[in-house]
Protein backbone atom coordinates (compact mmCIF):
# COMPACT_ATOMS: atom_id res chain seq x y z
CA MET A 1 6.64 15.06 -9.25
CA SER A 2 6.99 12.98 -12.39
CA PHE A 3 4.33 13.40 -14.99
CA THR A 4 5.46 10.21 -16.52
CA ALA A 5 4.91 8.33 -13.31
CA LEU A 6 1.48 10.00 -12.82
CA ASP A 7 0.45 9.15 -16.35
CA TRP A 8 1.62 5.51 -15.80
CA ALA A 9 -0.25 5.26 -12.48
CA VAL A 10 -3.50 6.60 -13.94
CA LYS A 11 -3.45 3.92 -16.62
CA GLN A 12 -2.90 1.00 -14.23
CA LYS A 13 -5.80 -1.40 -13.40
CA VAL A 14 -5.39 -1.86 -9.68
CA GLY A 15 -8.81 -3.29 -8.73
CA ASN A 16 -9.21 -1.30 -5.55
CA SER A 17 -9.82 2.39 -5.15
CA THR A 18 -7.65 2.80 -2.02
CA GLU A 19 -4.72 0.99 -3.62
CA LYS A 20 -5.09 3.18 -6.68
CA LEU A 21 -5.06 6.33 -4.60
CA ILE A 22 -1.89 5.13 -2.83
CA LEU A 23 -0.29 4.35 -6.16
CA LEU A 24 -1.17 7.85 -7.40
CA CYS A 25 0.26 9.25 -4.17
CA LEU A 26 3.54 7.45 -4.81
CA ALA A 27 3.55 8.66 -8.38
CA ASN A 28 2.86 12.26 -7.19
CA TYR A 29 5.97 12.10 -4.92
CA SER A 30 8.18 10.33 -7.47
CA ASP A 31 11.36 11.85 -8.90
CA ASP A 32 12.53 11.88 -12.50
CA ASN A 33 13.87 8.28 -12.00
CA ASN A 34 10.42 7.09 -10.88
CA LYS A 35 11.59 6.64 -7.31
CA SER A 36 9.33 7.73 -4.49
CA TYR A 37 10.21 8.38 -0.87
CA PRO A 38 7.09 9.51 1.11
CA SER A 39 6.68 8.21 4.58
CA HIS A 40 3.77 6.07 5.65
CA LYS A 41 2.48 9.10 7.52
CA THR A 42 2.65 11.23 4.41
CA ILE A 43 0.80 8.58 2.33
CA SER A 44 -1.70 8.17 5.17
CA LYS A 45 -2.49 11.86 5.20
CA PHE A 46 -2.67 12.07 1.41
CA ALA A 47 -5.11 9.12 1.10
CA GLU A 48 -6.92 9.80 4.38
CA VAL A 49 -6.45 6.24 5.58
CA SER A 50 -4.72 4.66 8.57
CA ASN A 51 -1.08 3.73 8.63
CA GLN A 52 -2.05 0.10 8.78
CA THR A 53 -4.09 0.49 5.56
CA VAL A 54 -1.09 2.10 3.87
CA ILE A 55 1.13 -0.86 4.80
CA LYS A 56 -1.51 -3.37 3.59
CA CYS A 57 -1.98 -1.54 0.28
CA LEU A 58 1.75 -1.20 -0.34
CA THR A 59 2.14 -4.94 0.13
CA LYS A 60 -0.74 -5.63 -2.21
CA LEU A 61 0.66 -3.25 -4.86
CA LYS A 62 4.06 -4.96 -4.52
CA ASN A 63 2.48 -8.39 -4.87
CA LYS A 64 0.72 -7.12 -8.06
CA ASN A 65 4.14 -6.10 -9.43
CA LEU A 66 3.05 -2.47 -9.58
CA LEU A 67 5.98 -1.30 -7.48
CA ILE A 68 9.22 -2.48 -5.88
CA ILE A 69 9.86 -1.69 -2.27
CA LYS A 70 13.51 -1.40 -1.29
CA PRO A 71 15.07 -0.36 1.97
CA LEU A 72 17.07 2.80 1.99
CA SER A 73 20.63 2.31 3.00
CA SER A 74 21.22 1.51 6.63
CA SER A 75 17.80 2.75 7.81
CA LEU A 76 14.36 1.47 8.36
CA LYS A 77 12.93 3.80 5.73
CA MET A 78 11.82 2.47 2.38
CA PHE A 79 11.26 3.81 -1.13
CA ALA A 80 9.03 2.64 -3.86
CA ASP A 81 10.29 2.23 -7.43
CA LEU A 82 7.43 2.66 -9.87
């Protein structure tokens, strides 16, 4: 957990409570380089929302330039860069 990432996420104006919770989840799982690797399933359980909602919110957060989603090398898994 990166306290810097959590502090940053708390201060962001997201405009939607579910998106904010997912941003906080990503910050909670972030490392010292502000990279976060939780699965959609982990985020879904944390936020108590469906997998589909997680994907929609991640896309919206990306479109708001609040995170960068990059594929992990040679896999279908992704990580978020806060």
